[in-house]
PDB file of N, CA and C in Angstrom:
ATOM      1  N   UNK A   1      -2.798 -18.928  10.724  1.00  0.00           N
ATOM      2  CA  UNK A   1      -3.134 -17.793  11.226  1.00  0.00           C
ATOM      3  C   UNK A   1      -4.480 -17.653  12.001  1.00  0.00           C
ATOM      4  N   UNK A   2      -4.547 -16.934  13.173  1.00  0.00           N
ATOM      5  CA  UNK A   2      -5.823 -16.852  14.001  1.00  0.00           C
ATOM      6  C   UNK A   2      -6.469 -15.455  13.856  1.00  0.00           C
ATOM      7  N   UNK A   3      -7.683 -15.577  13.327  1.00  0.00           N
ATOM      8  CA  UNK A   3      -8.347 -14.418  13.173  1.00  0.00           C
ATOM      9  C   UNK A   3      -9.774 -14.457  13.563  1.00  0.00           C
ATOM     10  N   UNK A   4     -10.497 -13.369  13.770  1.00  0.00           N
ATOM     11  CA  UNK A   4     -11.867 -13.241  14.096  1.00  0.00           C
ATOM     12  C   UNK A   4     -12.799 -13.072  12.821  1.00  0.00           C
ATOM     13  N   UNK A   5     -14.000 -12.950  12.880  1.00  0.00           N
ATOM     14  CA  UNK A   5     -14.909 -12.844  11.917  1.00  0.00           C
ATOM     15  C   UNK A   5     -14.348 -11.666  10.744  1.00  0.00           C
ATOM     16  N   UNK A   6     -14.478 -12.153   9.626  1.00  0.00           N
ATOM     17  CA  UNK A   6     -14.231 -11.076   8.409  1.00  0.00           C
ATOM     18  C   UNK A   6     -12.859 -10.398   8.472  1.00  0.00           C
ATOM     19  N   UNK A   7     -11.834 -11.320   9.175  1.00  0.00           N
ATOM     20  CA  UNK A   7     -10.561 -10.819   9.208  1.00  0.00           C
ATOM     21  C   UNK A   7     -10.196  -9.625  10.183  1.00  0.00           C
ATOM     22  N   UNK A   8     -11.236  -9.103  11.116  1.00  0.00           N
ATOM     23  CA  UNK A   8     -11.162  -8.198  11.983  1.00  0.00           C
ATOM     24  C   UNK A   8     -10.444  -8.656  13.091  1.00  0.00           C
ATOM     25  N   UNK A   9      -9.657  -7.865  13.859  1.00  0.00           N
ATOM     26  CA  UNK A   9      -8.816  -8.256  14.983  1.00  0.00           C
ATOM     27  C   UNK A   9      -7.884  -9.166  14.770  1.00  0.00           C
ATOM     28  N   UNK A  10      -7.045  -9.265  13.720  1.00  0.00           N
ATOM     29  CA  UNK A  10      -6.146 -10.417  13.438  1.00  0.00           C
ATOM     30  C   UNK A  10      -5.173 -10.249  14.580  1.00  0.00           C
ATOM     31  N   UNK A  11      -4.930 -11.298  15.170  1.00  0.00           N
ATOM     32  CA  UNK A  11      -4.119 -11.504  16.395  1.00  0.00           C
ATOM     33  C   UNK A  11      -2.593 -11.704  15.964  1.00  0.00           C
ATOM     34  N   UNK A  12      -2.428 -12.522  14.988  1.00  0.00           N
ATOM     35  CA  UNK A  12      -0.907 -12.775  14.466  1.00  0.00           C
ATOM     36  C   UNK A  12      -1.070 -13.040  12.838  1.00  0.00           C
ATOM     37  N   UNK A  13      -0.026 -12.510  12.428  1.00  0.00           N
ATOM     38  CA  UNK A  13       0.173 -12.733  10.741  1.00  0.00           C
ATOM     39  C   UNK A  13       1.366 -12.603  10.469  1.00  0.00           C
ATOM     40  N   UNK A  14       1.920 -13.212   9.458  1.00  0.00           N
ATOM     41  CA  UNK A  14       3.318 -13.218   8.854  1.00  0.00           C
ATOM     42  C   UNK A  14       3.036 -11.992   7.793  1.00  0.00           C
ATOM     43  N   UNK A  15       3.836 -10.830   7.704  1.00  0.00           N
ATOM     44  CA  UNK A  15       3.374  -9.846   6.724  1.00  0.00           C
ATOM     45  C   UNK A  15       4.404  -9.854   5.642  1.00  0.00           C
ATOM     46  N   UNK A  16       5.653 -10.317   5.897  1.00  0.00           N
ATOM     47  CA  UNK A  16       6.632 -10.258   4.779  1.00  0.00           C
ATOM     48  C   UNK A  16       7.719 -11.344   5.160  1.00  0.00           C
ATOM     49  N   UNK A  17       8.356 -11.774   3.982  1.00  0.00           N
ATOM     50  CA  UNK A  17       9.347 -12.693   4.053  1.00  0.00           C
ATOM     51  C   UNK A  17      10.455 -12.255   3.106  1.00  0.00           C
ATOM     52  N   UNK A  18      11.710 -11.992   3.490  1.00  0.00           N
ATOM     53  CA  UNK A  18      12.723 -11.541   2.600  1.00  0.00           C
ATOM     54  C   UNK A  18      13.961 -12.310   2.826  1.00  0.00           C
ATOM     55  N   UNK A  19      14.980 -12.137   1.904  1.00  0.00           N
ATOM     56  CA  UNK A  19      16.219 -13.066   2.146  1.00  0.00           C
ATOM     57  C   UNK A  19      16.882 -12.954   3.505  1.00  0.00           C
ATOM     58  N   UNK A  20      16.383 -11.696   4.120  1.00  0.00           N
ATOM     59  CA  UNK A  20      17.044 -11.608   5.548  1.00  0.00           C
ATOM     60  C   UNK A  20      16.313 -11.966   6.572  1.00  0.00           C
ATOM     61  N   UNK A  21      14.916 -12.246   6.655  1.00  0.00           N
ATOM     62  CA  UNK A  21      14.208 -12.651   7.613  1.00  0.00           C
ATOM     63  C   UNK A  21      12.632 -12.357   7.371  1.00  0.00           C
ATOM     64  N   UNK A  22      11.795 -12.546   8.433  1.00  0.00           N
ATOM     65  CA  UNK A  22      10.346 -12.402   8.451  1.00  0.00           C
ATOM     66  C   UNK A  22       9.927 -11.322   9.294  1.00  0.00           C
ATOM     67  N   UNK A  23       8.838 -10.479   8.888  1.00  0.00           N
ATOM     68  CA  UNK A  23       8.177  -9.678   9.617  1.00  0.00           C
ATOM     69  C   UNK A  23       6.838 -10.189  10.063  1.00  0.00           C
ATOM     70  N   UNK A  24       6.791 -10.214  11.325  1.00  0.00           N
ATOM     71  CA  UNK A  24       5.382 -10.786  11.837  1.00  0.00           C
ATOM     72  C   UNK A  24       4.606  -9.785  12.592  1.00  0.00           C
ATOM     73  N   UNK A  25       3.350  -9.744  12.552  1.00  0.00           N
ATOM     74  CA  UNK A  25       2.372  -8.844  13.106  1.00  0.00           C
ATOM     75  C   UNK A  25       1.676  -9.428  14.447  1.00  0.00           C
ATOM     76  N   UNK A  26       1.956  -9.120  15.507  1.00  0.00           N
ATOM     77  CA  UNK A  26       1.321  -9.696  16.609  1.00  0.00           C
ATOM     78  C   UNK A  26       0.727  -8.764  17.628  1.00  0.00           C
ATOM     79  N   UNK A  27      -0.745  -8.893  17.586  1.00  0.00           N
ATOM     80  CA  UNK A  27      -1.628  -7.904  18.483  1.00  0.00           C
ATOM     81  C   UNK A  27      -1.298  -6.582  18.421  1.00  0.00           C
ATOM     82  N   UNK A  28      -1.033  -6.001  17.173  1.00  0.00           N
ATOM     83  CA  UNK A  28      -0.934  -4.639  16.880  1.00  0.00           C
ATOM     84  C   UNK A  28       0.575  -4.085  16.807  1.00  0.00           C
ATOM     85  N   UNK A  29       1.318  -5.131  16.977  1.00  0.00           N
ATOM     86  CA  UNK A  29       2.908  -4.615  16.927  1.00  0.00           C
ATOM     87  C   UNK A  29       3.495  -5.637  15.871  1.00  0.00           C
ATOM     88  N   UNK A  30       4.538  -4.902  15.219  1.00  0.00           N
ATOM     89  CA  UNK A  30       5.338  -5.741  14.174  1.00  0.00           C
ATOM     90  C   UNK A  30       6.747  -5.969  14.701  1.00  0.00           C
ATOM     91  N   UNK A  31       7.223  -7.300  14.462  1.00  0.00           N
ATOM     92  CA  UNK A  31       8.477  -7.660  14.861  1.00  0.00           C
ATOM     93  C   UNK A  31       9.112  -8.183  13.476  1.00  0.00           C
ATOM     94  N   UNK A  32      10.503  -7.906  13.550  1.00  0.00           N
ATOM     95  CA  UNK A  32      11.483  -8.640  12.511  1.00  0.00           C
ATOM     96  C   UNK A  32      12.314  -9.728  13.304  1.00  0.00           C
ATOM     97  N   UNK A  33      12.066 -10.987  12.594  1.00  0.00           N
ATOM     98  CA  UNK A  33      12.907 -12.082  12.950  1.00  0.00           C
ATOM     99  C   UNK A  33      14.073 -12.346  11.947  1.00  0.00           C
ATOM    100  N   UNK A  34      15.191 -11.881  12.229  1.00  0.00           N
ATOM    101  CA  UNK A  34      16.271 -12.200  11.112  1.00  0.00           C
ATOM    102  C   UNK A  34      16.486 -13.605  11.106  1.00  0.00           C
ATOM    103  N   UNK A  35      16.967 -14.047  10.018  1.00  0.00           N
ATOM    104  CA  UNK A  35      17.513 -15.389   9.921  1.00  0.00           C
ATOM    105  C   UNK A  35      18.607 -15.834  10.623  1.00  0.00           C
ATOM    106  N   UNK A  36      19.492 -14.643  10.957  1.00  0.00           N
ATOM    107  CA  UNK A  36      20.710 -15.089  11.884  1.00  0.00           C
ATOM    108  C   UNK A  36      20.303 -15.136  13.248  1.00  0.00           C
ATOM    109  N   UNK A  37      19.270 -14.489  13.852  1.00  0.00           N
ATOM    110  CA  UNK A  37      18.938 -14.709  15.105  1.00  0.00           C
ATOM    111  C   UNK A  37      17.888 -15.800  15.265  1.00  0.00           C
ATOM    112  N   UNK A  38      17.159 -16.095  14.048  1.00  0.00           N
ATOM    113  CA  UNK A  38      16.128 -17.204  14.168  1.00  0.00           C
ATOM    114  C   UNK A  38      16.365 -18.047  12.982  1.00  0.00           C
ATOM    115  N   UNK A  39      17.527 -18.752  12.929  1.00  0.00           N
ATOM    116  CA  UNK A  39      17.779 -19.590  11.659  1.00  0.00           C
ATOM    117  C   UNK A  39      16.867 -20.876  11.433  1.00  0.00           C
ATOM    118  N   UNK A  40      16.010 -21.289  12.331  1.00  0.00           N
ATOM    119  CA  UNK A  40      15.100 -22.327  12.050  1.00  0.00           C
ATOM    120  C   UNK A  40      13.989 -21.818  10.962  1.00  0.00           C
ATOM    121  N   UNK A  41      13.837 -20.672  10.411  1.00  0.00           N
ATOM    122  CA  UNK A  41      12.938 -20.224   9.600  1.00  0.00           C
ATOM    123  C   UNK A  41      13.598 -20.060   8.207  1.00  0.00           C
ATOM    124  N   UNK A  42      14.908 -20.042   8.144  1.00  0.00           N
ATOM    125  CA  UNK A  42      15.607 -20.068   6.780  1.00  0.00           C
ATOM    126  C   UNK A  42      15.362 -21.434   6.063  1.00  0.00           C
ATOM    127  N   UNK A  43      15.225 -21.396   4.815  1.00  0.00           N
ATOM    128  CA  UNK A  43      15.076 -22.482   3.984  1.00  0.00           C
ATOM    129  C   UNK A  43      13.786 -23.115   4.326  1.00  0.00           C
ATOM    130  N   UNK A  44      12.701 -22.592   4.953  1.00  0.00           N
ATOM    131  CA  UNK A  44      11.428 -23.196   5.005  1.00  0.00           C
ATOM    132  C   UNK A  44      10.554 -22.714   3.911  1.00  0.00           C
ATOM    133  N   UNK A  45       9.359 -23.415   3.721  1.00  0.00           N
ATOM    134  CA  UNK A  45       8.371 -22.884   2.824  1.00  0.00           C
ATOM    135  C   UNK A  45       7.721 -21.790   3.255  1.00  0.00           C
ATOM    136  N   UNK A  46       7.279 -21.001   2.492  1.00  0.00           N
ATOM    137  CA  UNK A  46       6.310 -19.791   2.689  1.00  0.00           C
ATOM    138  C   UNK A  46       5.122 -20.464   3.513  1.00  0.00           C
ATOM    139  N   UNK A  47       4.483 -21.580   3.144  1.00  0.00           N
ATOM    140  CA  UNK A  47       3.333 -21.921   3.741  1.00  0.00           C
ATOM    141  C   UNK A  47       3.591 -22.345   5.179  1.00  0.00           C
ATOM    142  N   UNK A  48       4.711 -23.008   5.439  1.00  0.00           N
ATOM    143  CA  UNK A  48       5.022 -23.359   6.854  1.00  0.00           C
ATOM    144  C   UNK A  48       5.350 -22.251   7.665  1.00  0.00           C
ATOM    145  N   UNK A  49       5.940 -21.062   7.222  1.00  0.00           N
ATOM    146  CA  UNK A  49       6.271 -20.103   8.012  1.00  0.00           C
ATOM    147  C   UNK A  49       4.893 -19.269   8.185  1.00  0.00           C
ATOM    148  N   UNK A  50       4.103 -19.227   7.307  1.00  0.00           N
ATOM    149  CA  UNK A  50       2.653 -18.513   7.398  1.00  0.00           C
ATOM    150  C   UNK A  50       1.859 -19.132   8.479  1.00  0.00           C
ATOM    151  N   UNK A  51       2.081 -20.414   8.724  1.00  0.00           N
ATOM    152  CA  UNK A  51       1.299 -21.224   9.532  1.00  0.00           C
ATOM    153  C   UNK A  51       1.688 -20.992  11.059  1.00  0.00           C
ATOM    154  N   UNK A  52       1.350 -20.085  11.465  1.00  0.00           N
ATOM    155  CA  UNK A  52       1.469 -19.548  12.889  1.00  0.00           C
ATOM    156  C   UNK A  52       0.247 -19.412  13.708  1.00  0.00           C
ATOM    157  N   UNK A  53       0.427 -19.880  15.048  1.00  0.00           N
ATOM    158  CA  UNK A  53      -0.762 -19.626  15.895  1.00  0.00           C
ATOM    159  C   UNK A  53      -0.236 -18.762  17.163  1.00  0.00           C
ATOM    160  N   UNK A  54      -1.208 -18.249  17.834  1.00  0.00           N
ATOM    161  CA  UNK A  54      -1.034 -17.413  19.053  1.00  0.00           C
ATOM    162  C   UNK A  54      -1.801 -18.018  20.036  1.00  0.00           C
ATOM    163  N   UNK A  55      -1.250 -18.583  21.086  1.00  0.00           N
ATOM    164  CA  UNK A  55      -1.890 -19.164  22.228  1.00  0.00           C
ATOM    165  C   UNK A  55      -1.722 -18.341  23.665  1.00  0.00           C
ATOM    166  N   UNK A  56      -2.977 -18.247  24.333  1.00  0.00           N
ATOM    167  CA  UNK A  56      -2.683 -17.544  25.538  1.00  0.00           C
ATOM    168  C   UNK A  56      -2.273 -16.114  25.647  1.00  0.00           C
ATOM    169  N   UNK A  57      -2.383 -15.560  24.469  1.00  0.00           N
ATOM    170  CA  UNK A  57      -2.018 -14.220  24.209  1.00  0.00           C
ATOM    171  C   UNK A  57      -0.651 -13.645  24.103  1.00  0.00           C
ATOM    172  N   UNK A  58       0.268 -14.753  24.187  1.00  0.00           N
ATOM    173  CA  UNK A  58       1.819 -14.456  24.457  1.00  0.00           C
ATOM    174  C   UNK A  58       2.572 -15.693  23.753  1.00  0.00           C
ATOM    175  N   UNK A  59       2.152 -16.708  23.284  1.00  0.00           N
ATOM    176  CA  UNK A  59       2.838 -17.884  22.953  1.00  0.00           C
ATOM    177  C   UNK A  59       2.597 -18.010  21.536  1.00  0.00           C
ATOM    178  N   UNK A  60       3.685 -17.887  20.674  1.00  0.00           N
ATOM    179  CA  UNK A  60       3.617 -18.065  19.139  1.00  0.00           C
ATOM    180  C   UNK A  60       4.115 -19.638  18.896  1.00  0.00           C
ATOM    181  N   UNK A  61       3.408 -20.184  17.994  1.00  0.00           N
ATOM    182  CA  UNK A  61       3.658 -21.667  17.664  1.00  0.00           C
ATOM    183  C   UNK A  61       3.344 -21.872  16.202  1.00  0.00           C
ATOM    184  N   UNK A  62       4.510 -22.472  15.557  1.00  0.00           N
ATOM    185  CA  UNK A  62       4.518 -22.881  14.154  1.00  0.00           C
ATOM    186  C   UNK A  62       4.565 -24.126  14.271  1.00  0.00           C
ATOM    187  N   UNK A  63       3.296 -25.003  14.118  1.00  0.00           N
ATOM    188  CA  UNK A  63       3.175 -26.337  14.125  1.00  0.00           C
ATOM    189  C   UNK A  63       4.005 -27.059  13.127  1.00  0.00           C
ATOM    190  N   UNK A  64       4.036 -26.730  11.900  1.00  0.00           N
ATOM    191  CA  UNK A  64       4.726 -27.463  10.883  1.00  0.00           C
ATOM    192  C   UNK A  64       6.177 -27.424  11.153  1.00  0.00           C
ATOM    193  N   UNK A  65       6.768 -26.466  11.861  1.00  0.00           N
ATOM    194  CA  UNK A  65       8.222 -26.315  12.196  1.00  0.00           C
ATOM    195  C   UNK A  65       8.719 -26.816  13.503  1.00  0.00           C
ATOM    196  N   UNK A  66       7.598 -26.889  14.352  1.00  0.00           N
ATOM    197  CA  UNK A  66       7.663 -27.277  15.655  1.00  0.00           C
ATOM    198  C   UNK A  66       8.688 -26.226  16.339  1.00  0.00           C
ATOM    199  N   UNK A  67       8.263 -24.808  16.328  1.00  0.00           N
ATOM    200  CA  UNK A  67       8.906 -23.809  16.750  1.00  0.00           C
ATOM    201  C   UNK A  67       8.056 -23.197  17.688  1.00  0.00           C
ATOM    202  N   UNK A  68       8.627 -22.829  18.890  1.00  0.00           N
ATOM    203  CA  UNK A  68       7.742 -21.941  20.046  1.00  0.00           C
ATOM    204  C   UNK A  68       8.516 -20.860  20.165  1.00  0.00           C
ATOM    205  N   UNK A  69       7.953 -19.789  20.334  1.00  0.00           N
ATOM    206  CA  UNK A  69       8.474 -18.456  20.845  1.00  0.00           C
ATOM    207  C   UNK A  69       7.271 -17.686  21.647  1.00  0.00           C
ATOM    208  N   UNK A  70       8.000 -17.071  22.716  1.00  0.00           N
ATOM    209  CA  UNK A  70       6.996 -16.164  23.516  1.00  0.00           C
ATOM    210  C   UNK A  70       7.427 -14.708  22.881  1.00  0.00           C
ATOM    211  N   UNK A  71       6.408 -13.850  23.137  1.00  0.00           N
ATOM    212  CA  UNK A  71       6.437 -12.454  22.603  1.00  0.00           C
ATOM    213  C   UNK A  71       7.503 -11.802  23.362  1.00  0.00           C
ATOM    214  N   UNK A  72       7.721 -12.308  24.641  1.00  0.00           N
ATOM    215  CA  UNK A  72       8.821 -11.672  25.584  1.00  0.00           C
ATOM    216  C   UNK A  72      10.250 -11.645  24.764  1.00  0.00           C
ATOM    217  N   UNK A  73      10.341 -12.837  24.115  1.00  0.00           N
ATOM    218  CA  UNK A  73      11.609 -13.248  23.456  1.00  0.00           C
ATOM    219  C   UNK A  73      11.843 -12.329  22.312  1.00  0.00           C
ATOM    220  N   UNK A  74      10.706 -11.854  21.684  1.00  0.00           N
ATOM    221  CA  UNK A  74      10.924 -10.723  20.713  1.00  0.00           C
ATOM    222  C   UNK A  74      11.168  -9.328  21.187  1.00  0.00           C
ATOM    223  N   UNK A  75      10.443  -9.127  22.121  1.00  0.00           N
ATOM    224  CA  UNK A  75      10.591  -7.772  22.744  1.00  0.00           C
ATOM    225  C   UNK A  75      11.770  -7.408  23.718  1.00  0.00           C
ATOM    226  N   UNK A  76      12.287  -8.573  24.214  1.00  0.00           N
ATOM    227  CA  UNK A  76      13.563  -8.428  25.113  1.00  0.00           C
ATOM    228  C   UNK A  76      14.662  -9.483  24.798  1.00  0.00           C
ATOM    229  N   UNK A  77      15.138  -9.555  23.727  1.00  0.00           N
ATOM    230  CA  UNK A  77      16.120 -10.602  23.307  1.00  0.00           C
ATOM    231  C   UNK A  77      17.465 -10.700  24.089  1.00  0.00           C
ATOM    232  N   UNK A  78      17.702  -9.512  24.781  1.00  0.00           N
ATOM    233  CA  UNK A  78      18.769  -9.473  25.751  1.00  0.00           C
ATOM    234  C   UNK A  78      18.468 -10.505  26.873  1.00  0.00           C
ATOM    235  N   UNK A  79      17.275 -10.714  27.224  1.00  0.00           N
ATOM    236  CA  UNK A  79      16.981 -11.836  28.445  1.00  0.00           C
ATOM    237  C   UNK A  79      17.203 -13.093  28.061  1.00  0.00           C
ATOM    238  N   UNK A  80      17.372 -13.320  26.643  1.00  0.00           N
ATOM    239  CA  UNK A  80      17.591 -14.935  26.066  1.00  0.00           C
ATOM    240  C   UNK A  80      18.718 -15.023  25.249  1.00  0.00           C
ATOM    241  N   UNK A  81      20.135 -14.954  25.924  1.00  0.00           N
ATOM    242  CA  UNK A  81      21.189 -14.942  25.212  1.00  0.00           C
ATOM    243  C   UNK A  81      21.420 -16.282  24.501  1.00  0.00           C
ATOM    244  N   UNK A  82      21.043 -17.410  24.990  1.00  0.00           N
ATOM    245  CA  UNK A  82      21.283 -18.594  24.395  1.00  0.00           C
ATOM    246  C   UNK A  82      20.586 -18.826  23.165  1.00  0.00           C
ATOM    247  N   UNK A  83      21.555 -19.577  22.245  1.00  0.00           N
ATOM    248  CA  UNK A  83      21.049 -19.774  20.803  1.00  0.00           C
ATOM    249  C   UNK A  83      21.377 -21.175  20.486  1.00  0.00           C
ATOM    250  N   UNK A  84      20.653 -21.821  19.453  1.00  0.00           N
ATOM    251  CA  UNK A  84      20.707 -23.181  19.150  1.00  0.00           C
ATOM    252  C   UNK A  84      22.081 -23.249  18.467  1.00  0.00           C
ATOM    253  N   UNK A  85      23.006 -24.330  18.744  1.00  0.00           N
ATOM    254  CA  UNK A  85      24.137 -24.577  17.801  1.00  0.00           C
ATOM    255  C   UNK A  85      23.977 -25.322  16.706  1.00  0.00           C
ATOM    256  N   UNK A  86      22.775 -25.985  16.590  1.00  0.00           N
ATOM    257  CA  UNK A  86      22.388 -26.844  15.480  1.00  0.00           C
ATOM    258  C   UNK A  86      22.381 -26.026  14.231  1.00  0.00           C
ATOM    259  N   UNK A  87      21.955 -24.880  14.099  1.00  0.00           N
ATOM    260  CA  UNK A  87      21.830 -24.146  13.051  1.00  0.00           C
ATOM    261  C   UNK A  87      22.967 -23.179  12.592  1.00  0.00           C
ATOM    262  N   UNK A  88      24.003 -23.083  13.429  1.00  0.00           N
ATOM    263  CA  UNK A  88      25.205 -22.443  13.032  1.00  0.00           C
ATOM    264  C   UNK A  88      26.014 -22.930  12.043  1.00  0.00           C
TER     265      UNK A  88
END
């Protein structure tokens, strides 16, 4: 997670992990990433899911999972209809 002094102005953090997906807080907004839409997070360790970085203000990266997402993917999923077949 990337944050500033004393935890103020946290840019990105994983808020919750459930059997259905994860809640992520990015720049003041919360997003739900369901395991059915984002299967590469299912069956991963909490440590690996929580290790998320925000680059350039819009690019999310999980280095332990080699997963990249842009915030636009979360806000406008209809613009990105293709999904990986390897997790289905």
